[in-house]
Amino acid sequence: MAEMENVSYVPLKKPIVFTVEGFIITRQRYPLFAVTLLVYTVMLLGNVIVVMVIAANIKLHKPMYVMICNLAACDLLGGTVIMTQLMSNFLTGNKTIGYVAAIIQAFCVHFYSASACTIISAMAYDHYMAICKPLHYHHDHWETGLTVFSGLVHHDLPVIAFTYVKILIACVVKQEKNSRSKAIQTCASHLTVCILFELCTFIVVAAYKIQGISFNTKKFCVIIAIIMPPMVNPIIYGIAMKDIRTNIVKFFKSTVLLK
């Protein structure tokens, strides 16, 4: 006890700045800035258009489209947090980030990942209710919110796998070709988004588990995993879903007419 009493504790001091261990870049930082700016512009425009189109059209104020709108807003957060920091590093060559900025960035990245998992899982459950239990769809939809807020959809992969196994069984059982093809078309876009999200996550995990992969390659995998879904998701939904595609065309036509 005497020894313990003599121990002096030194309080930890928070660091003023962190050094960002990004790409090892010299002359290529300006071309990389231009490419990053182009990718960010595509991501920003795509997600903003999806949010505006769904928010402005009352006919699209349905559970599935509201979740797509939320996913687009979530993608805006994740993409903006990472890509603005990247562009700043490439443009200025400065690899430092403030303590508060680093904490905010880490929180936003984790919030983006958790929110995307939750929304994608909720969308899978929505498809399950619409296809497997259409008569109970509107009545039991409160269960989706209850499931989300209870934290069950934190395990997104088992939830998605379960719902799509049930949907696949329902599609096989259905006798009418029209109903079967409609169900497949409904799920195609969401399933593509799910595969893209899980594939990007797998690539990041594999890059850090496999020995012998260069530092730059690991960082590139992380950046691709965070940037790719926000950039591709609005393109997938804009092409695959007829209602969104039609309203995007109307949006651009009305914008041109106003000019």
C-alpha atoms as a PDB file:
ATOM      1  CA  MET A   1       0.000   0.000   0.000  1.00  0.00           C
ATOM      2  CA  ALA A   2       2.897   2.311   0.808  1.00  0.00           C
ATOM      3  CA  GLU A   3       4.276   1.815  -2.676  1.00  0.00           C
ATOM      4  CA  MET A   4       0.904   2.652  -4.219  1.00  0.00           C
ATOM      5  CA  GLU A   5       0.650   5.854  -2.191  1.00  0.00           C
ATOM      6  CA  ASN A   6       3.989   7.059  -3.565  1.00  0.00           C
ATOM      7  CA  VAL A   7       2.888   6.641  -7.192  1.00  0.00           C
ATOM      8  CA  SER A   8       2.281   9.976  -8.898  1.00  0.00           C
ATOM      9  CA  TYR A   9      -0.252  10.205 -11.723  1.00  0.00           C
ATOM     10  CA  VAL A  10       0.372  12.538 -14.620  1.00  0.00           C
ATOM     11  CA  PRO A  11      -2.814  13.714 -16.401  1.00  0.00           C
ATOM     12  CA  LEU A  12      -2.894  13.083 -20.138  1.00  0.00           C
ATOM     13  CA  LYS A  13      -2.751  16.160 -22.337  1.00  0.00           C
ATOM     14  CA  LYS A  14      -4.850  16.186 -25.474  1.00  0.00           C
ATOM     15  CA  PRO A  15      -2.790  16.586 -28.656  1.00  0.00           C
ATOM     16  CA  ILE A  16      -3.120  19.840 -30.571  1.00  0.00           C
ATOM     17  CA  VAL A  17      -2.896  18.266 -34.023  1.00  0.00           C
ATOM     18  CA  PHE A  18      -2.697  14.832 -35.631  1.00  0.00           C
ATOM     19  CA  THR A  19      -0.624  13.921 -38.656  1.00  0.00           C
ATOM     20  CA  VAL A  20      -2.770  12.307 -41.340  1.00  0.00           C
ATOM     21  CA  GLU A  21      -0.962   9.251 -42.700  1.00  0.00           C
ATOM     22  CA  GLY A  22      -2.457   9.435 -46.162  1.00  0.00           C
ATOM     23  CA  PHE A  23      -0.934   8.765 -49.557  1.00  0.00           C
ATOM     24  CA  ILE A  24       2.763   9.357 -50.019  1.00  0.00           C
ATOM     25  CA  ILE A  25       2.434  12.086 -52.651  1.00  0.00           C
ATOM     26  CA  THR A  26       4.777  14.655 -54.146  1.00  0.00           C
ATOM     27  CA  ARG A  27       4.139  15.986 -57.651  1.00  0.00           C
ATOM     28  CA  GLN A  28       0.891  14.105 -58.249  1.00  0.00           C
ATOM     29  CA  ARG A  29      -1.155  15.963 -55.644  1.00  0.00           C
ATOM     30  CA  TYR A  30      -2.692  18.492 -58.068  1.00  0.00           C
ATOM     31  CA  PRO A  31      -3.959  15.866 -60.554  1.00  0.00           C
ATOM     32  CA  LEU A  32      -5.232  13.862 -57.566  1.00  0.00           C
ATOM     33  CA  PHE A  33      -7.028  16.966 -56.308  1.00  0.00           C
ATOM     34  CA  ALA A  34      -8.705  17.413 -59.713  1.00  0.00           C
ATOM     35  CA  VAL A  35      -9.837  13.767 -59.807  1.00  0.00           C
ATOM     36  CA  THR A  36     -11.105  13.924 -56.209  1.00  0.00           C
ATOM     37  CA  LEU A  37     -12.991  17.149 -56.938  1.00  0.00           C
ATOM     38  CA  LEU A  38     -14.644  15.554 -59.987  1.00  0.00           C
ATOM     39  CA  VAL A  39     -15.687  12.462 -58.017  1.00  0.00           C
ATOM     40  CA  TYR A  40     -17.002  14.609 -55.160  1.00  0.00           C
ATOM     41  CA  THR A  41     -18.994  16.777 -57.587  1.00  0.00           C
ATOM     42  CA  VAL A  42     -20.639  13.688 -59.134  1.00  0.00           C
ATOM     43  CA  MET A  43     -21.430  12.304 -55.678  1.00  0.00           C
ATOM     44  CA  LEU A  44     -22.780  15.634 -54.439  1.00  0.00           C
ATOM     45  CA  LEU A  45     -24.995  16.304 -57.472  1.00  0.00           C
ATOM     46  CA  GLY A  46     -26.367  12.754 -57.597  1.00  0.00           C
ATOM     47  CA  ASN A  47     -27.386  12.598 -53.942  1.00  0.00           C
ATOM     48  CA  VAL A  48     -28.697  16.165 -53.788  1.00  0.00           C
ATOM     49  CA  ILE A  49     -30.896  15.539 -56.850  1.00  0.00           C
ATOM     50  CA  VAL A  50     -32.289  12.330 -55.307  1.00  0.00           C
ATOM     51  CA  VAL A  51     -33.070  14.133 -52.027  1.00  0.00           C
ATOM     52  CA  MET A  52     -34.679  17.102 -53.807  1.00  0.00           C
ATOM     53  CA  VAL A  53     -36.771  14.941 -56.167  1.00  0.00           C
ATOM     54  CA  ILE A  54     -38.132  12.738 -53.368  1.00  0.00           C
ATOM     55  CA  ALA A  55     -38.716  15.651 -50.982  1.00  0.00           C
ATOM     56  CA  ALA A  56     -40.522  17.744 -53.625  1.00  0.00           C
ATOM     57  CA  ASN A  57     -42.861  15.003 -54.899  1.00  0.00           C
ATOM     58  CA  ILE A  58     -45.669  14.000 -52.522  1.00  0.00           C
ATOM     59  CA  LYS A  59     -46.286  10.791 -54.496  1.00  0.00           C
ATOM     60  CA  LEU A  60     -42.821   9.598 -53.463  1.00  0.00           C
ATOM     61  CA  HIS A  61     -43.485  10.109 -49.746  1.00  0.00           C
ATOM     62  CA  LYS A  62     -43.681   6.361 -49.176  1.00  0.00           C
ATOM     63  CA  PRO A  63     -41.553   4.257 -46.798  1.00  0.00           C
ATOM     64  CA  MET A  64     -39.174   2.929 -49.461  1.00  0.00           C
ATOM     65  CA  TYR A  65     -38.533   6.321 -51.084  1.00  0.00           C
ATOM     66  CA  VAL A  66     -38.173   8.030 -47.706  1.00  0.00           C
ATOM     67  CA  MET A  67     -35.477   5.486 -46.813  1.00  0.00           C
ATOM     68  CA  ILE A  68     -33.748   6.098 -50.166  1.00  0.00           C
ATOM     69  CA  CYS A  69     -33.833   9.826 -49.366  1.00  0.00           C
ATOM     70  CA  ASN A  70     -32.328   9.138 -45.928  1.00  0.00           C
ATOM     71  CA  LEU A  71     -29.637   6.946 -47.493  1.00  0.00           C
ATOM     72  CA  ALA A  72     -28.768   9.742 -49.946  1.00  0.00           C
ATOM     73  CA  ALA A  73     -28.486  12.237 -47.067  1.00  0.00           C
ATOM     74  CA  CYS A  74     -26.323   9.746 -45.174  1.00  0.00           C
ATOM     75  CA  ASP A  75     -24.116   9.281 -48.254  1.00  0.00           C
ATOM     76  CA  LEU A  76     -23.702  13.048 -48.482  1.00  0.00           C
ATOM     77  CA  LEU A  77     -22.404  13.104 -44.915  1.00  0.00           C
ATOM     78  CA  GLY A  78     -19.958  10.217 -45.361  1.00  0.00           C
ATOM     79  CA  GLY A  79     -18.644  11.386 -48.719  1.00  0.00           C
ATOM     80  CA  THR A  80     -18.279  15.028 -47.687  1.00  0.00           C
ATOM     81  CA  VAL A  81     -16.404  14.289 -44.454  1.00  0.00           C
ATOM     82  CA  ILE A  82     -13.769  12.156 -46.185  1.00  0.00           C
ATOM     83  CA  MET A  83     -13.426  13.879 -49.545  1.00  0.00           C
ATOM     84  CA  THR A  84     -13.173  17.454 -48.280  1.00  0.00           C
ATOM     85  CA  GLN A  85     -10.264  16.407 -46.053  1.00  0.00           C
ATOM     86  CA  LEU A  86      -8.653  14.587 -48.987  1.00  0.00           C
ATOM     87  CA  MET A  87      -9.007  17.605 -51.268  1.00  0.00           C
ATOM     88  CA  SER A  88      -7.532  19.849 -48.597  1.00  0.00           C
ATOM     89  CA  ASN A  89      -4.527  17.531 -48.204  1.00  0.00           C
ATOM     90  CA  PHE A  90      -3.965  17.285 -51.960  1.00  0.00           C
ATOM     91  CA  LEU A  91      -4.341  21.017 -52.577  1.00  0.00           C
ATOM     92  CA  THR A  92      -2.239  22.373 -49.708  1.00  0.00           C
ATOM     93  CA  GLY A  93       0.105  19.448 -49.075  1.00  0.00           C
ATOM     94  CA  ASN A  94      -0.640  19.864 -45.359  1.00  0.00           C
ATOM     95  CA  LYS A  95      -1.086  16.486 -43.621  1.00  0.00           C
ATOM     96  CA  THR A  96      -2.144  17.756 -40.190  1.00  0.00           C
ATOM     97  CA  ILE A  97      -5.652  17.859 -38.740  1.00  0.00           C
ATOM     98  CA  GLY A  98      -6.819  19.542 -35.535  1.00  0.00           C
ATOM     99  CA  TYR A  99      -7.887  17.573 -32.471  1.00  0.00           C
ATOM    100  CA  VAL A 100     -11.536  18.656 -32.611  1.00  0.00           C
ATOM    101  CA  ALA A 101     -11.698  18.185 -36.401  1.00  0.00           C
ATOM    102  CA  ALA A 102     -10.272  14.660 -36.071  1.00  0.00           C
ATOM    103  CA  ILE A 103     -12.842  13.716 -33.412  1.00  0.00           C
ATOM    104  CA  ILE A 104     -15.698  15.132 -35.516  1.00  0.00           C
ATOM    105  CA  GLN A 105     -14.456  13.322 -38.625  1.00  0.00           C
ATOM    106  CA  ALA A 106     -14.157   9.990 -36.786  1.00  0.00           C
ATOM    107  CA  PHE A 107     -17.658  10.408 -35.336  1.00  0.00           C
ATOM    108  CA  CYS A 108     -19.163  11.271 -38.735  1.00  0.00           C
ATOM    109  CA  VAL A 109     -17.495   8.298 -40.467  1.00  0.00           C
ATOM    110  CA  HIS A 110     -18.737   5.840 -37.822  1.00  0.00           C
ATOM    111  CA  PHE A 111     -22.177   7.472 -37.803  1.00  0.00           C
ATOM    112  CA  TYR A 112     -22.313   7.180 -41.599  1.00  0.00           C
ATOM    113  CA  SER A 113     -21.391   3.478 -41.521  1.00  0.00           C
ATOM    114  CA  ALA A 114     -23.870   2.628 -38.753  1.00  0.00           C
ATOM    115  CA  SER A 115     -26.673   4.662 -40.369  1.00  0.00           C
ATOM    116  CA  ALA A 116     -26.080   3.102 -43.800  1.00  0.00           C
ATOM    117  CA  CYS A 117     -26.243  -0.399 -42.278  1.00  0.00           C
ATOM    118  CA  THR A 118     -29.477   0.474 -40.469  1.00  0.00           C
ATOM    119  CA  ILE A 119     -31.154   2.022 -43.527  1.00  0.00           C
ATOM    120  CA  ILE A 120     -30.135  -0.816 -45.864  1.00  0.00           C
ATOM    121  CA  SER A 121     -31.459  -3.381 -43.366  1.00  0.00           C
ATOM    122  CA  ALA A 122     -34.730  -1.476 -42.986  1.00  0.00           C
ATOM    123  CA  MET A 123     -35.095  -1.343 -46.779  1.00  0.00           C
ATOM    124  CA  ALA A 124     -34.598  -5.112 -46.969  1.00  0.00           C
ATOM    125  CA  TYR A 125     -37.354  -5.595 -44.387  1.00  0.00           C
ATOM    126  CA  ASP A 126     -39.595  -3.214 -46.337  1.00  0.00           C
ATOM    127  CA  HIS A 127     -39.136  -5.340 -49.490  1.00  0.00           C
ATOM    128  CA  TYR A 128     -39.896  -8.465 -47.464  1.00  0.00           C
ATOM    129  CA  MET A 129     -43.169  -6.987 -46.179  1.00  0.00           C
ATOM    130  CA  ALA A 130     -44.184  -5.670 -49.627  1.00  0.00           C
ATOM    131  CA  ILE A 131     -43.564  -8.984 -51.422  1.00  0.00           C
ATOM    132  CA  CYS A 132     -44.173 -11.693 -48.808  1.00  0.00           C
ATOM    133  CA  LYS A 133     -46.921 -10.004 -46.749  1.00  0.00           C
ATOM    134  CA  PRO A 134     -48.524  -7.381 -49.009  1.00  0.00           C
ATOM    135  CA  LEU A 135     -51.857  -7.388 -47.150  1.00  0.00           C
ATOM    136  CA  HIS A 136     -50.105  -6.517 -43.883  1.00  0.00           C
ATOM    137  CA  TYR A 137     -47.685  -4.012 -45.419  1.00  0.00           C
ATOM    138  CA  HIS A 138     -49.334  -0.780 -44.255  1.00  0.00           C
ATOM    139  CA  HIS A 139     -50.692  -2.199 -41.006  1.00  0.00           C
ATOM    140  CA  ASP A 140     -47.447  -3.732 -39.732  1.00  0.00           C
ATOM    141  CA  HIS A 141     -45.019  -1.116 -41.004  1.00  0.00           C
ATOM    142  CA  TRP A 142     -44.555   0.267 -37.498  1.00  0.00           C
ATOM    143  CA  GLU A 143     -42.590  -2.913 -36.780  1.00  0.00           C
ATOM    144  CA  THR A 144     -39.859  -1.660 -39.107  1.00  0.00           C
ATOM    145  CA  GLY A 145     -39.347   1.418 -36.955  1.00  0.00           C
ATOM    146  CA  LEU A 146     -39.483  -0.650 -33.772  1.00  0.00           C
ATOM    147  CA  THR A 147     -36.913  -3.074 -35.172  1.00  0.00           C
ATOM    148  CA  VAL A 148     -34.598  -0.270 -36.244  1.00  0.00           C
ATOM    149  CA  PHE A 149     -34.699   1.585 -32.937  1.00  0.00           C
ATOM    150  CA  SER A 150     -34.309  -1.610 -30.902  1.00  0.00           C
ATOM    151  CA  GLY A 151     -30.894  -2.115 -32.536  1.00  0.00           C
ATOM    152  CA  LEU A 152     -31.686  -5.482 -34.126  1.00  0.00           C
ATOM    153  CA  VAL A 153     -30.710  -4.268 -37.579  1.00  0.00           C
ATOM    154  CA  HIS A 154     -27.222  -3.442 -36.326  1.00  0.00           C
ATOM    155  CA  HIS A 155     -26.410  -6.924 -37.601  1.00  0.00           C
ATOM    156  CA  ASP A 156     -27.270  -5.932 -41.139  1.00  0.00           C
ATOM    157  CA  LEU A 157     -25.927  -8.945 -43.049  1.00  0.00           C
ATOM    158  CA  PRO A 158     -28.035 -11.624 -41.240  1.00  0.00           C
ATOM    159  CA  VAL A 159     -31.155  -9.446 -41.564  1.00  0.00           C
ATOM    160  CA  ILE A 160     -30.596  -8.862 -45.291  1.00  0.00           C
ATOM    161  CA  ALA A 161     -29.778 -12.530 -45.915  1.00  0.00           C
ATOM    162  CA  PHE A 162     -32.917 -13.683 -44.066  1.00  0.00           C
ATOM    163  CA  THR A 163     -35.240 -11.268 -45.878  1.00  0.00           C
ATOM    164  CA  TYR A 164     -33.889 -12.120 -49.332  1.00  0.00           C
ATOM    165  CA  VAL A 165     -34.081 -15.857 -48.702  1.00  0.00           C
ATOM    166  CA  LYS A 166     -37.763 -15.372 -47.836  1.00  0.00           C
ATOM    167  CA  ILE A 167     -38.250 -13.155 -50.904  1.00  0.00           C
ATOM    168  CA  LEU A 168     -36.552 -15.744 -53.136  1.00  0.00           C
ATOM    169  CA  ILE A 169     -38.837 -18.472 -51.803  1.00  0.00           C
ATOM    170  CA  ALA A 170     -41.873 -16.239 -52.385  1.00  0.00           C
ATOM    171  CA  CYS A 171     -40.760 -15.534 -55.976  1.00  0.00           C
ATOM    172  CA  VAL A 172     -40.341 -19.259 -56.678  1.00  0.00           C
ATOM    173  CA  VAL A 173     -43.763 -20.037 -55.225  1.00  0.00           C
ATOM    174  CA  LYS A 174     -45.534 -17.284 -57.190  1.00  0.00           C
ATOM    175  CA  GLN A 175     -47.293 -18.712 -60.239  1.00  0.00           C
ATOM    176  CA  GLU A 176     -47.820 -15.467 -62.148  1.00  0.00           C
ATOM    177  CA  LYS A 177     -44.851 -14.354 -64.248  1.00  0.00           C
ATOM    178  CA  ASN A 178     -45.816 -10.684 -63.944  1.00  0.00           C
ATOM    179  CA  SER A 179     -45.797 -10.819 -60.144  1.00  0.00           C
ATOM    180  CA  ARG A 180     -42.492 -12.667 -60.129  1.00  0.00           C
ATOM    181  CA  SER A 181     -40.766 -10.257 -62.537  1.00  0.00           C
ATOM    182  CA  LYS A 182     -42.146  -7.243 -60.654  1.00  0.00           C
ATOM    183  CA  ALA A 183     -40.786  -8.613 -57.379  1.00  0.00           C
ATOM    184  CA  ILE A 184     -37.357  -9.200 -58.923  1.00  0.00           C
ATOM    185  CA  GLN A 185     -37.264  -5.695 -60.450  1.00  0.00           C
ATOM    186  CA  THR A 186     -38.261  -4.193 -57.099  1.00  0.00           C
ATOM    187  CA  CYS A 187     -35.385  -5.903 -55.298  1.00  0.00           C
ATOM    188  CA  ALA A 188     -32.711  -5.555 -57.994  1.00  0.00           C
ATOM    189  CA  SER A 189     -31.585  -2.018 -57.153  1.00  0.00           C
ATOM    190  CA  HIS A 190     -31.535  -2.576 -53.397  1.00  0.00           C
ATOM    191  CA  LEU A 191     -29.712  -5.894 -53.735  1.00  0.00           C
ATOM    192  CA  THR A 192     -27.077  -4.186 -55.906  1.00  0.00           C
ATOM    193  CA  VAL A 193     -26.588  -1.507 -53.235  1.00  0.00           C
ATOM    194  CA  CYS A 194     -26.303  -4.195 -50.534  1.00  0.00           C
ATOM    195  CA  ILE A 195     -23.695  -6.162 -52.485  1.00  0.00           C
ATOM    196  CA  LEU A 196     -21.700  -2.992 -53.202  1.00  0.00           C
ATOM    197  CA  PHE A 197     -21.728  -1.928 -49.538  1.00  0.00           C
ATOM    198  CA  GLU A 198     -20.750  -5.357 -48.189  1.00  0.00           C
ATOM    199  CA  LEU A 199     -18.122  -5.861 -50.913  1.00  0.00           C
ATOM    200  CA  CYS A 200     -16.447  -2.546 -50.062  1.00  0.00           C
ATOM    201  CA  THR A 201     -16.412  -3.499 -46.376  1.00  0.00           C
ATOM    202  CA  PHE A 202     -14.912  -6.902 -47.189  1.00  0.00           C
ATOM    203  CA  ILE A 203     -12.173  -5.308 -49.321  1.00  0.00           C
ATOM    204  CA  VAL A 204     -11.124  -3.047 -46.433  1.00  0.00           C
ATOM    205  CA  VAL A 205     -10.999  -5.932 -43.945  1.00  0.00           C
ATOM    206  CA  ALA A 206      -9.084  -8.137 -46.401  1.00  0.00           C
ATOM    207  CA  ALA A 207      -6.575  -5.372 -47.190  1.00  0.00           C
ATOM    208  CA  TYR A 208      -5.602  -5.049 -43.530  1.00  0.00           C
ATOM    209  CA  LYS A 209      -5.594  -8.797 -42.840  1.00  0.00           C
ATOM    210  CA  ILE A 210      -3.451  -9.890 -45.803  1.00  0.00           C
ATOM    211  CA  GLN A 211       0.275  -9.542 -45.262  1.00  0.00           C
ATOM    212  CA  GLY A 212       2.515  -7.792 -47.781  1.00  0.00           C
ATOM    213  CA  ILE A 213       0.030  -5.187 -49.040  1.00  0.00           C
ATOM    214  CA  SER A 214       1.564  -1.728 -49.329  1.00  0.00           C
ATOM    215  CA  PHE A 215       0.514   1.178 -47.126  1.00  0.00           C
ATOM    216  CA  ASN A 216      -0.820   3.181 -50.074  1.00  0.00           C
ATOM    217  CA  THR A 217      -2.935   0.227 -51.252  1.00  0.00           C
ATOM    218  CA  LYS A 218      -4.548  -0.134 -47.820  1.00  0.00           C
ATOM    219  CA  LYS A 219      -5.403   3.556 -47.686  1.00  0.00           C
ATOM    220  CA  PHE A 220      -6.739   3.436 -51.243  1.00  0.00           C
ATOM    221  CA  CYS A 221      -9.036   0.514 -50.296  1.00  0.00           C
ATOM    222  CA  VAL A 222     -10.419   2.440 -47.313  1.00  0.00           C
ATOM    223  CA  ILE A 223     -11.092   5.539 -49.405  1.00  0.00           C
ATOM    224  CA  ILE A 224     -12.763   3.514 -52.175  1.00  0.00           C
ATOM    225  CA  ALA A 225     -14.928   1.701 -49.596  1.00  0.00           C
ATOM    226  CA  ILE A 226     -16.213   5.007 -48.232  1.00  0.00           C
ATOM    227  CA  ILE A 227     -16.484   6.928 -51.514  1.00  0.00           C
ATOM    228  CA  MET A 228     -17.830   4.293 -53.912  1.00  0.00           C
ATOM    229  CA  PRO A 229     -21.287   3.658 -52.338  1.00  0.00           C
ATOM    230  CA  PRO A 230     -22.207   7.376 -52.021  1.00  0.00           C
ATOM    231  CA  MET A 231     -21.187   7.984 -55.638  1.00  0.00           C
ATOM    232  CA  VAL A 232     -22.841   4.890 -57.170  1.00  0.00           C
ATOM    233  CA  ASN A 233     -26.037   4.629 -55.069  1.00  0.00           C
ATOM    234  CA  PRO A 234     -27.911   7.569 -56.693  1.00  0.00           C
ATOM    235  CA  ILE A 235     -26.943   6.256 -60.144  1.00  0.00           C
ATOM    236  CA  ILE A 236     -28.307   2.796 -59.287  1.00  0.00           C
ATOM    237  CA  TYR A 237     -31.604   4.133 -57.948  1.00  0.00           C
ATOM    238  CA  GLY A 238     -31.882   6.738 -60.699  1.00  0.00           C
ATOM    239  CA  ILE A 239     -31.558   4.083 -63.410  1.00  0.00           C
ATOM    240  CA  ALA A 240     -33.305   1.094 -61.824  1.00  0.00           C
ATOM    241  CA  MET A 241     -36.351   2.703 -60.187  1.00  0.00           C
ATOM    242  CA  LYS A 242     -38.847   4.031 -62.708  1.00  0.00           C
ATOM    243  CA  ASP A 243     -40.570   6.522 -60.375  1.00  0.00           C
ATOM    244  CA  ILE A 244     -37.308   8.193 -59.395  1.00  0.00           C
ATOM    245  CA  ARG A 245     -36.013   8.155 -62.979  1.00  0.00           C
ATOM    246  CA  THR A 246     -39.216   9.743 -64.300  1.00  0.00           C
ATOM    247  CA  ASN A 247     -39.220  12.468 -61.656  1.00  0.00           C
ATOM    248  CA  ILE A 248     -35.539  13.246 -62.236  1.00  0.00           C
ATOM    249  CA  VAL A 249     -36.296  13.770 -65.944  1.00  0.00           C
ATOM    250  CA  LYS A 250     -39.238  16.022 -65.005  1.00  0.00           C
ATOM    251  CA  PHE A 251     -36.989  17.923 -62.602  1.00  0.00           C
ATOM    252  CA  PHE A 252     -34.414  18.655 -65.305  1.00  0.00           C
ATOM    253  CA  LYS A 253     -37.109  19.575 -67.848  1.00  0.00           C
ATOM    254  CA  SER A 254     -38.720  22.021 -65.423  1.00  0.00           C
ATOM    255  CA  THR A 255     -35.287  23.502 -64.601  1.00  0.00           C
ATOM    256  CA  VAL A 256     -34.558  24.067 -68.308  1.00  0.00           C
ATOM    257  CA  LEU A 257     -38.009  25.579 -68.889  1.00  0.00           C
ATOM    258  CA  LEU A 258     -37.540  27.977 -65.974  1.00  0.00           C
ATOM    259  CA  LYS A 259     -34.335  29.229 -67.603  1.00  0.00           C
END
